[in-house]
Structure formats: C-alpha cells, structure tokens
Amino acid sequence: MVSATSIKLDDDMKGRVRNLAEARQRTSHWIMREAIAQYVEREEKREALKRETVQAWEEFQQTGRHATAEEVDRWLESWGTDDELPAPKCRK
C-alpha cells in the first residue's frame, strides 16, 4: 500500500530538488523518494553495523577471544594475491 505524505522544504531546497529533477529528466517526487530510500537504506546498514559491533564487543568481553590487528592486516593484504592467507584464528 502506498499512502501520501507531505514534506516541508524551504524555497532553496525546493529549487535545488527541482533543478536536479530537470537535469535528470525526472520528477521532483521521484528525486525525493529516491533520496529518502537511499538514506533509509544507508542508515539501516549503519544501525546493523552498530548492533553487530556491540555484539562483537560483548562477546569479546565474555570470552576474551580475539585476533590481533597485525594478523588481520596481514590477512587482508593477502586478498587477491596468489598467496592468499586463511583468516586468522581467534584466541585468548
């Protein structure tokens, strides 16, 4: 279901949206919907990352298991090379 809503924009922002819509051969409505969709998707990803980070920190505090930054850096630097390393093992 799609329902109508309204948004208040100052004259400057309204003009910027209108100009961008004309340049992209889209409607102002399309530009605003696209902007909101991209914003919501990006912020949902940020929130998921935040939750995962807190969860990882809590797990570390409970178990003490970790890999060092040097081990992870070495592993990441090997990506895409002929000598790609396996992921470092977590330890206490």
PDB file of N, CA and C in Angstrom:
ATOM      1  N   MET A   1       0.842  -1.178   0.000  1.00  0.00           N
ATOM      2  CA  MET A   1       0.000   0.000   0.000  1.00  0.00           C
ATOM      3  C   MET A   1       0.886   1.239   0.000  1.00  0.00           C
ATOM      4  N   VAL A   2       0.518   2.198  -0.765  1.00  0.00           N
ATOM      5  CA  VAL A   2       1.231   3.477  -0.841  1.00  0.00           C
ATOM      6  C   VAL A   2       0.292   4.550  -0.340  1.00  0.00           C
ATOM      7  N   SER A   3       0.789   5.381   0.564  1.00  0.00           N
ATOM      8  CA  SER A   3      -0.035   6.478   1.049  1.00  0.00           C
ATOM      9  C   SER A   3       0.716   7.790   0.882  1.00  0.00           C
ATOM     10  N   ALA A   4      -0.034   8.846   0.724  1.00  0.00           N
ATOM     11  CA  ALA A   4       0.556  10.170   0.519  1.00  0.00           C
ATOM     12  C   ALA A   4       1.019  10.740   1.855  1.00  0.00           C
ATOM     13  N   THR A   5       2.082  11.494   1.794  1.00  0.00           N
ATOM     14  CA  THR A   5       2.576  12.232   2.952  1.00  0.00           C
ATOM     15  C   THR A   5       3.098  13.561   2.442  1.00  0.00           C
ATOM     16  N   SER A   6       3.392  14.454   3.343  1.00  0.00           N
ATOM     17  CA  SER A   6       3.911  15.738   2.883  1.00  0.00           C
ATOM     18  C   SER A   6       5.231  16.011   3.574  1.00  0.00           C
ATOM     19  N   ILE A   7       6.013  16.846   2.943  1.00  0.00           N
ATOM     20  CA  ILE A   7       7.298  17.238   3.484  1.00  0.00           C
ATOM     21  C   ILE A   7       7.451  18.731   3.252  1.00  0.00           C
ATOM     22  N   LYS A   8       7.922  19.427   4.261  1.00  0.00           N
ATOM     23  CA  LYS A   8       8.111  20.872   4.138  1.00  0.00           C
ATOM     24  C   LYS A   8       9.569  21.145   3.803  1.00  0.00           C
ATOM     25  N   LEU A   9       9.782  21.843   2.699  1.00  0.00           N
ATOM     26  CA  LEU A   9      11.117  22.226   2.264  1.00  0.00           C
ATOM     27  C   LEU A   9      11.188  23.736   2.161  1.00  0.00           C
ATOM     28  N   ASP A  10      12.343  24.294   2.529  1.00  0.00           N
ATOM     29  CA  ASP A  10      12.494  25.736   2.316  1.00  0.00           C
ATOM     30  C   ASP A  10      12.639  25.981   0.815  1.00  0.00           C
ATOM     31  N   ASP A  11      12.488  27.218   0.407  1.00  0.00           N
ATOM     32  CA  ASP A  11      12.498  27.553  -1.023  1.00  0.00           C
ATOM     33  C   ASP A  11      13.802  27.146  -1.698  1.00  0.00           C
ATOM     34  N   ASP A  12      14.918  27.306  -0.999  1.00  0.00           N
ATOM     35  CA  ASP A  12      16.209  26.941  -1.575  1.00  0.00           C
ATOM     36  C   ASP A  12      16.273  25.443  -1.884  1.00  0.00           C
ATOM     37  N   MET A  13      15.900  24.609  -0.922  1.00  0.00           N
ATOM     38  CA  MET A  13      15.953  23.159  -1.130  1.00  0.00           C
ATOM     39  C   MET A  13      14.958  22.740  -2.202  1.00  0.00           C
ATOM     40  N   LYS A  14      13.794  23.335  -2.179  1.00  0.00           N
ATOM     41  CA  LYS A  14      12.788  23.008  -3.194  1.00  0.00           C
ATOM     42  C   LYS A  14      13.325  23.316  -4.590  1.00  0.00           C
ATOM     43  N   GLY A  15      13.996  24.457  -4.740  1.00  0.00           N
ATOM     44  CA  GLY A  15      14.587  24.817  -6.027  1.00  0.00           C
ATOM     45  C   GLY A  15      15.701  23.865  -6.427  1.00  0.00           C
ATOM     46  N   ARG A  16      16.512  23.473  -5.471  1.00  0.00           N
ATOM     47  CA  ARG A  16      17.603  22.525  -5.768  1.00  0.00           C
ATOM     48  C   ARG A  16      17.046  21.188  -6.246  1.00  0.00           C
ATOM     49  N   VAL A  17      15.991  20.709  -5.574  1.00  0.00           N
ATOM     50  CA  VAL A  17      15.362  19.449  -5.987  1.00  0.00           C
ATOM     51  C   VAL A  17      14.785  19.603  -7.388  1.00  0.00           C
ATOM     52  N   ARG A  18      14.111  20.706  -7.643  1.00  0.00           N
ATOM     53  CA  ARG A  18      13.516  20.944  -8.957  1.00  0.00           C
ATOM     54  C   ARG A  18      14.595  20.979 -10.041  1.00  0.00           C
ATOM     55  N   ASN A  19      15.698  21.687  -9.776  1.00  0.00           N
ATOM     56  CA  ASN A  19      16.784  21.766 -10.761  1.00  0.00           C
ATOM     57  C   ASN A  19      17.398  20.397 -11.037  1.00  0.00           C
ATOM     58  N   LEU A  20      17.601  19.629  -9.986  1.00  0.00           N
ATOM     59  CA  LEU A  20      18.159  18.288 -10.167  1.00  0.00           C
ATOM     60  C   LEU A  20      17.187  17.400 -10.948  1.00  0.00           C
ATOM     61  N   ALA A  21      15.924  17.517 -10.632  1.00  0.00           N
ATOM     62  CA  ALA A  21      14.913  16.722 -11.344  1.00  0.00           C
ATOM     63  C   ALA A  21      14.911  17.056 -12.833  1.00  0.00           C
ATOM     64  N   GLU A  22      15.002  18.326 -13.153  1.00  0.00           N
ATOM     65  CA  GLU A  22      15.041  18.731 -14.562  1.00  0.00           C
ATOM     66  C   GLU A  22      16.298  18.194 -15.244  1.00  0.00           C
ATOM     67  N   ALA A  23      17.427  18.289 -14.559  1.00  0.00           N
ATOM     68  CA  ALA A  23      18.694  17.814 -15.141  1.00  0.00           C
ATOM     69  C   ALA A  23      18.666  16.305 -15.379  1.00  0.00           C
ATOM     70  N   ARG A  24      17.998  15.579 -14.508  1.00  0.00           N
ATOM     71  CA  ARG A  24      17.939  14.113 -14.622  1.00  0.00           C
ATOM     72  C   ARG A  24      16.720  13.634 -15.404  1.00  0.00           C
ATOM     73  N   GLN A  25      15.921  14.569 -15.852  1.00  0.00           N
ATOM     74  CA  GLN A  25      14.680  14.259 -16.573  1.00  0.00           C
ATOM     75  C   GLN A  25      13.795  13.327 -15.734  1.00  0.00           C
ATOM     76  N   ARG A  26      13.646  13.713 -14.491  1.00  0.00           N
ATOM     77  CA  ARG A  26      12.793  13.008 -13.539  1.00  0.00           C
ATOM     78  C   ARG A  26      11.862  14.026 -12.900  1.00  0.00           C
ATOM     79  N   THR A  27      10.922  13.546 -12.118  1.00  0.00           N
ATOM     80  CA  THR A  27      10.063  14.462 -11.378  1.00  0.00           C
ATOM     81  C   THR A  27      10.703  14.769 -10.028  1.00  0.00           C
ATOM     82  N   SER A  28      10.309  15.884  -9.444  1.00  0.00           N
ATOM     83  CA  SER A  28      10.772  16.209  -8.096  1.00  0.00           C
ATOM     84  C   SER A  28      10.353  15.104  -7.121  1.00  0.00           C
ATOM     85  N   HIS A  29       9.174  14.583  -7.311  1.00  0.00           N
ATOM     86  CA  HIS A  29       8.663  13.491  -6.484  1.00  0.00           C
ATOM     87  C   HIS A  29       9.618  12.299  -6.545  1.00  0.00           C
ATOM     88  N   TRP A  30      10.070  11.918  -7.729  1.00  0.00           N
ATOM     89  CA  TRP A  30      10.973  10.781  -7.885  1.00  0.00           C
ATOM     90  C   TRP A  30      12.295  11.050  -7.153  1.00  0.00           C
ATOM     91  N   ILE A  31      12.827  12.266  -7.324  1.00  0.00           N
ATOM     92  CA  ILE A  31      14.093  12.620  -6.673  1.00  0.00           C
ATOM     93  C   ILE A  31      13.958  12.488  -5.159  1.00  0.00           C
ATOM     94  N   MET A  32      12.879  12.997  -4.591  1.00  0.00           N
ATOM     95  CA  MET A  32      12.704  12.947  -3.144  1.00  0.00           C
ATOM     96  C   MET A  32      12.505  11.522  -2.653  1.00  0.00           C
ATOM     97  N   ARG A  33      11.736  10.730  -3.369  1.00  0.00           N
ATOM     98  CA  ARG A  33      11.547   9.320  -2.973  1.00  0.00           C
ATOM     99  C   ARG A  33      12.870   8.569  -3.027  1.00  0.00           C
ATOM    100  N   GLU A  34      13.643   8.791  -4.074  1.00  0.00           N
ATOM    101  CA  GLU A  34      14.939   8.130  -4.224  1.00  0.00           C
ATOM    102  C   GLU A  34      15.889   8.536  -3.103  1.00  0.00           C
ATOM    103  N   ALA A  35      15.908   9.834  -2.789  1.00  0.00           N
ATOM    104  CA  ALA A  35      16.775  10.331  -1.718  1.00  0.00           C
ATOM    105  C   ALA A  35      16.398   9.708  -0.376  1.00  0.00           C
ATOM    106  N   ILE A  36      15.115   9.642  -0.097  1.00  0.00           N
ATOM    107  CA  ILE A  36      14.663   9.047   1.163  1.00  0.00           C
ATOM    108  C   ILE A  36      14.987   7.565   1.199  1.00  0.00           C
ATOM    109  N   ALA A  37      14.757   6.854   0.101  1.00  0.00           N
ATOM    110  CA  ALA A  37      15.044   5.413   0.052  1.00  0.00           C
ATOM    111  C   ALA A  37      16.533   5.151   0.289  1.00  0.00           C
ATOM    112  N   GLN A  38      17.396   5.930  -0.361  1.00  0.00           N
ATOM    113  CA  GLN A  38      18.837   5.742  -0.174  1.00  0.00           C
ATOM    114  C   GLN A  38      19.257   6.068   1.253  1.00  0.00           C
ATOM    115  N   TYR A  39      18.704   7.120   1.815  1.00  0.00           N
ATOM    116  CA  TYR A  39      19.027   7.499   3.186  1.00  0.00           C
ATOM    117  C   TYR A  39      18.621   6.394   4.159  1.00  0.00           C
ATOM    118  N   VAL A  40      17.391   5.904   4.030  1.00  0.00           N
ATOM    119  CA  VAL A  40      16.895   4.878   4.942  1.00  0.00           C
ATOM    120  C   VAL A  40      17.736   3.613   4.813  1.00  0.00           C
ATOM    121  N   GLU A  41      18.052   3.205   3.596  1.00  0.00           N
ATOM    122  CA  GLU A  41      18.874   2.006   3.396  1.00  0.00           C
ATOM    123  C   GLU A  41      20.251   2.180   4.043  1.00  0.00           C
ATOM    124  N   ARG A  42      20.880   3.330   3.829  1.00  0.00           N
ATOM    125  CA  ARG A  42      22.210   3.592   4.406  1.00  0.00           C
ATOM    126  C   ARG A  42      22.155   3.584   5.930  1.00  0.00           C
ATOM    127  N   GLU A  43      21.140   4.220   6.492  1.00  0.00           N
ATOM    128  CA  GLU A  43      21.042   4.291   7.952  1.00  0.00           C
ATOM    129  C   GLU A  43      20.690   2.940   8.561  1.00  0.00           C
ATOM    130  N   GLU A  44      19.901   2.124   7.861  1.00  0.00           N
ATOM    131  CA  GLU A  44      19.623   0.768   8.340  1.00  0.00           C
ATOM    132  C   GLU A  44      20.909  -0.050   8.396  1.00  0.00           C
ATOM    133  N   LYS A  45      21.759   0.105   7.384  1.00  0.00           N
ATOM    134  CA  LYS A  45      23.044  -0.591   7.385  1.00  0.00           C
ATOM    135  C   LYS A  45      23.919  -0.119   8.531  1.00  0.00           C
ATOM    136  N   ARG A  46      23.914   1.184   8.803  1.00  0.00           N
ATOM    137  CA  ARG A  46      24.687   1.723   9.933  1.00  0.00           C
ATOM    138  C   ARG A  46      24.204   1.144  11.248  1.00  0.00           C
ATOM    139  N   GLU A  47      22.891   1.069  11.414  1.00  0.00           N
ATOM    140  CA  GLU A  47      22.335   0.515  12.646  1.00  0.00           C
ATOM    141  C   GLU A  47      22.689  -0.964  12.791  1.00  0.00           C
ATOM    142  N   ALA A  48      22.640  -1.706  11.691  1.00  0.00           N
ATOM    143  CA  ALA A  48      23.012  -3.123  11.737  1.00  0.00           C
ATOM    144  C   ALA A  48      24.477  -3.265  12.116  1.00  0.00           C
ATOM    145  N   LEU A  49      25.349  -2.441  11.531  1.00  0.00           N
ATOM    146  CA  LEU A  49      26.768  -2.482  11.873  1.00  0.00           C
ATOM    147  C   LEU A  49      26.979  -2.137  13.341  1.00  0.00           C
ATOM    148  N   LYS A  50      26.256  -1.143  13.822  1.00  0.00           N
ATOM    149  CA  LYS A  50      26.357  -0.757  15.230  1.00  0.00           C
ATOM    150  C   LYS A  50      25.961  -1.921  16.134  1.00  0.00           C
ATOM    151  N   ARG A  51      24.848  -2.589  15.822  1.00  0.00           N
ATOM    152  CA  ARG A  51      24.411  -3.742  16.616  1.00  0.00           C
ATOM    153  C   ARG A  51      25.445  -4.856  16.590  1.00  0.00           C
ATOM    154  N   GLU A  52      25.985  -5.143  15.388  1.00  0.00           N
ATOM    155  CA  GLU A  52      26.992  -6.197  15.259  1.00  0.00           C
ATOM    156  C   GLU A  52      28.258  -5.851  16.027  1.00  0.00           C
ATOM    157  N   THR A  53      28.633  -4.580  16.019  1.00  0.00           N
ATOM    158  CA  THR A  53      29.827  -4.141  16.737  1.00  0.00           C
ATOM    159  C   THR A  53      29.637  -4.299  18.235  1.00  0.00           C
ATOM    160  N   VAL A  54      28.491  -3.882  18.749  1.00  0.00           N
ATOM    161  CA  VAL A  54      28.205  -4.032  20.179  1.00  0.00           C
ATOM    162  C   VAL A  54      28.185  -5.512  20.557  1.00  0.00           C
ATOM    163  N   GLN A  55      27.576  -6.328  19.708  1.00  0.00           N
ATOM    164  CA  GLN A  55      27.516  -7.770  19.968  1.00  0.00           C
ATOM    165  C   GLN A  55      28.929  -8.371  19.989  1.00  0.00           C
ATOM    166  N   ALA A  56      29.773  -7.972  19.042  1.00  0.00           N
ATOM    167  CA  ALA A  56      31.151  -8.482  18.995  1.00  0.00           C
ATOM    168  C   ALA A  56      31.926  -8.042  20.234  1.00  0.00           C
ATOM    169  N   TRP A  57      31.734  -6.805  20.660  1.00  0.00           N
ATOM    170  CA  TRP A  57      32.422  -6.295  21.855  1.00  0.00           C
ATOM    171  C   TRP A  57      31.988  -7.066  23.098  1.00  0.00           C
ATOM    172  N   GLU A  58      30.671  -7.298  23.223  1.00  0.00           N
ATOM    173  CA  GLU A  58      30.162  -8.059  24.363  1.00  0.00           C
ATOM    174  C   GLU A  58      30.703  -9.479  24.360  1.00  0.00           C
ATOM    175  N   GLU A  59      30.771 -10.084  23.176  1.00  0.00           N
ATOM    176  CA  GLU A  59      31.323 -11.443  23.064  1.00  0.00           C
ATOM    177  C   GLU A  59      32.799 -11.458  23.463  1.00  0.00           C
ATOM    178  N   PHE A  60      33.556 -10.459  23.013  1.00  0.00           N
ATOM    179  CA  PHE A  60      34.968 -10.367  23.394  1.00  0.00           C
ATOM    180  C   PHE A  60      35.101 -10.217  24.904  1.00  0.00           C
ATOM    181  N   GLN A  61      34.275  -9.377  25.497  1.00  0.00           N
ATOM    182  CA  GLN A  61      34.364  -9.174  26.946  1.00  0.00           C
ATOM    183  C   GLN A  61      34.050 -10.448  27.711  1.00  0.00           C
ATOM    184  N   GLN A  62      33.154 -11.277  27.180  1.00  0.00           N
ATOM    185  CA  GLN A  62      32.790 -12.528  27.843  1.00  0.00           C
ATOM    186  C   GLN A  62      33.843 -13.608  27.632  1.00  0.00           C
ATOM    187  N   THR A  63      34.408 -13.680  26.436  1.00  0.00           N
ATOM    188  CA  THR A  63      35.295 -14.807  26.097  1.00  0.00           C
ATOM    189  C   THR A  63      36.767 -14.430  26.036  1.00  0.00           C
ATOM    190  N   GLY A  64      37.062 -13.187  25.728  1.00  0.00           N
ATOM    191  CA  GLY A  64      38.451 -12.765  25.558  1.00  0.00           C
ATOM    192  C   GLY A  64      39.060 -13.209  24.234  1.00  0.00           C
ATOM    193  N   ARG A  65      38.279 -13.884  23.396  1.00  0.00           N
ATOM    194  CA  ARG A  65      38.805 -14.379  22.116  1.00  0.00           C
ATOM    195  C   ARG A  65      38.983 -13.221  21.149  1.00  0.00           C
ATOM    196  N   HIS A  66      40.126 -13.216  20.442  1.00  0.00           N
ATOM    197  CA  HIS A  66      40.435 -12.118  19.535  1.00  0.00           C
ATOM    198  C   HIS A  66      41.515 -12.532  18.529  1.00  0.00           C
ATOM    199  N   ALA A  67      41.699 -11.717  17.517  1.00  0.00           N
ATOM    200  CA  ALA A  67      42.832 -11.799  16.587  1.00  0.00           C
ATOM    201  C   ALA A  67      43.494 -10.425  16.658  1.00  0.00           C
ATOM    202  N   THR A  68      44.797 -10.376  16.494  1.00  0.00           N
ATOM    203  CA  THR A  68      45.483  -9.087  16.576  1.00  0.00           C
ATOM    204  C   THR A  68      45.280  -8.289  15.293  1.00  0.00           C
ATOM    205  N   ALA A  69      45.461  -6.985  15.398  1.00  0.00           N
ATOM    206  CA  ALA A  69      45.348  -6.115  14.235  1.00  0.00           C
ATOM    207  C   ALA A  69      46.381  -6.504  13.180  1.00  0.00           C
ATOM    208  N   GLU A  70      47.583  -6.856  13.626  1.00  0.00           N
ATOM    209  CA  GLU A  70      48.641  -7.249  12.686  1.00  0.00           C
ATOM    210  C   GLU A  70      48.251  -8.501  11.909  1.00  0.00           C
ATOM    211  N   GLU A  71      47.644  -9.475  12.586  1.00  0.00           N
ATOM    212  CA  GLU A  71      47.206 -10.703  11.912  1.00  0.00           C
ATOM    213  C   GLU A  71      46.118 -10.387  10.882  1.00  0.00           C
ATOM    214  N   VAL A  72      45.183  -9.556  11.262  1.00  0.00           N
ATOM    215  CA  VAL A  72      44.097  -9.206  10.350  1.00  0.00           C
ATOM    216  C   VAL A  72      44.641  -8.404   9.170  1.00  0.00           C
ATOM    217  N   ASP A  73      45.540  -7.447   9.436  1.00  0.00           N
ATOM    218  CA  ASP A  73      46.152  -6.664   8.349  1.00  0.00           C
ATOM    219  C   ASP A  73      46.882  -7.575   7.365  1.00  0.00           C
ATOM    220  N   ARG A  74      47.657  -8.500   7.879  1.00  0.00           N
ATOM    221  CA  ARG A  74      48.402  -9.439   7.019  1.00  0.00           C
ATOM    222  C   ARG A  74      47.428 -10.252   6.158  1.00  0.00           C
ATOM    223  N   TRP A  75      46.356 -10.704   6.770  1.00  0.00           N
ATOM    224  CA  TRP A  75      45.348 -11.484   6.060  1.00  0.00           C
ATOM    225  C   TRP A  75      44.691 -10.644   4.965  1.00  0.00           C
ATOM    226  N   LEU A  76      44.284  -9.398   5.308  1.00  0.00           N
ATOM    227  CA  LEU A  76      43.632  -8.541   4.318  1.00  0.00           C
ATOM    228  C   LEU A  76      44.568  -8.183   3.165  1.00  0.00           C
ATOM    229  N   GLU A  77      45.830  -7.937   3.486  1.00  0.00           N
ATOM    230  CA  GLU A  77      46.805  -7.600   2.438  1.00  0.00           C
ATOM    231  C   GLU A  77      47.032  -8.756   1.469  1.00  0.00           C
ATOM    232  N   SER A  78      46.758  -9.969   1.912  1.00  0.00           N
ATOM    233  CA  SER A  78      46.961 -11.133   1.045  1.00  0.00           C
ATOM    234  C   SER A  78      45.787 -11.376   0.098  1.00  0.00           C
ATOM    235  N   TRP A  79      44.665 -10.714   0.335  1.00  0.00           N
ATOM    236  CA  TRP A  79      43.490 -10.930  -0.514  1.00  0.00           C
ATOM    237  C   TRP A  79      43.823 -10.606  -1.970  1.00  0.00           C
ATOM    238  N   GLY A  80      43.372 -11.460  -2.865  1.00  0.00           N
ATOM    239  CA  GLY A  80      43.557 -11.233  -4.291  1.00  0.00           C
ATOM    240  C   GLY A  80      44.947 -11.551  -4.795  1.00  0.00           C
ATOM    241  N   THR A  81      45.799 -12.105  -3.934  1.00  0.00           N
ATOM    242  CA  THR A  81      47.142 -12.493  -4.364  1.00  0.00           C
ATOM    243  C   THR A  81      47.200 -14.011  -4.529  1.00  0.00           C
ATOM    244  N   ASP A  82      48.272 -14.474  -5.123  1.00  0.00           N
ATOM    245  CA  ASP A  82      48.454 -15.927  -5.267  1.00  0.00           C
ATOM    246  C   ASP A  82      48.702 -16.595  -3.922  1.00  0.00           C
ATOM    247  N   ASP A  83      49.149 -15.836  -2.943  1.00  0.00           N
ATOM    248  CA  ASP A  83      49.460 -16.377  -1.620  1.00  0.00           C
ATOM    249  C   ASP A  83      48.433 -15.923  -0.581  1.00  0.00           C
ATOM    250  N   GLU A  84      47.159 -15.991  -0.938  1.00  0.00           N
ATOM    251  CA  GLU A  84      46.114 -15.544  -0.018  1.00  0.00           C
ATOM    252  C   GLU A  84      46.116 -16.401   1.236  1.00  0.00           C
ATOM    253  N   LEU A  85      46.102 -15.745   2.374  1.00  0.00           N
ATOM    254  CA  LEU A  85      46.167 -16.439   3.659  1.00  0.00           C
ATOM    255  C   LEU A  85      44.772 -16.777   4.168  1.00  0.00           C
ATOM    256  N   PRO A  86      44.654 -17.824   4.995  1.00  0.00           N
ATOM    257  CA  PRO A  86      43.365 -18.095   5.631  1.00  0.00           C
ATOM    258  C   PRO A  86      43.091 -17.054   6.712  1.00  0.00           C
ATOM    259  N   ALA A  87      41.852 -16.921   7.090  1.00  0.00           N
ATOM    260  CA  ALA A  87      41.504 -15.961   8.141  1.00  0.00           C
ATOM    261  C   ALA A  87      42.237 -16.331   9.423  1.00  0.00           C
ATOM    262  N   PRO A  88      42.686 -15.318  10.170  1.00  0.00           N
ATOM    263  CA  PRO A  88      43.397 -15.618  11.416  1.00  0.00           C
ATOM    264  C   PRO A  88      42.476 -16.299  12.423  1.00  0.00           C
ATOM    265  N   LYS A  89      43.043 -17.156  13.227  1.00  0.00           N
ATOM    266  CA  LYS A  89      42.289 -17.845  14.269  1.00  0.00           C
ATOM    267  C   LYS A  89      42.139 -16.932  15.480  1.00  0.00           C
ATOM    268  N   CYS A  90      40.986 -16.974  16.083  1.00  0.00           N
ATOM    269  CA  CYS A  90      40.767 -16.226  17.311  1.00  0.00           C
ATOM    270  C   CYS A  90      41.331 -17.025  18.481  1.00  0.00           C
ATOM    271  N   ARG A  91      41.899 -16.304  19.447  1.00  0.00           N
ATOM    272  CA  ARG A  91      42.464 -16.962  20.616  1.00  0.00           C
ATOM    273  C   ARG A  91      42.314 -16.036  21.805  1.00  0.00           C
ATOM    274  N   LYS A  92      42.596 -16.577  22.976  1.00  0.00           N
ATOM    275  CA  LYS A  92      42.537 -15.759  24.203  1.00  0.00           C
ATOM    276  C   LYS A  92      43.827 -15.070  24.434  1.00  0.00           C
TER     277      LYS A  92
END
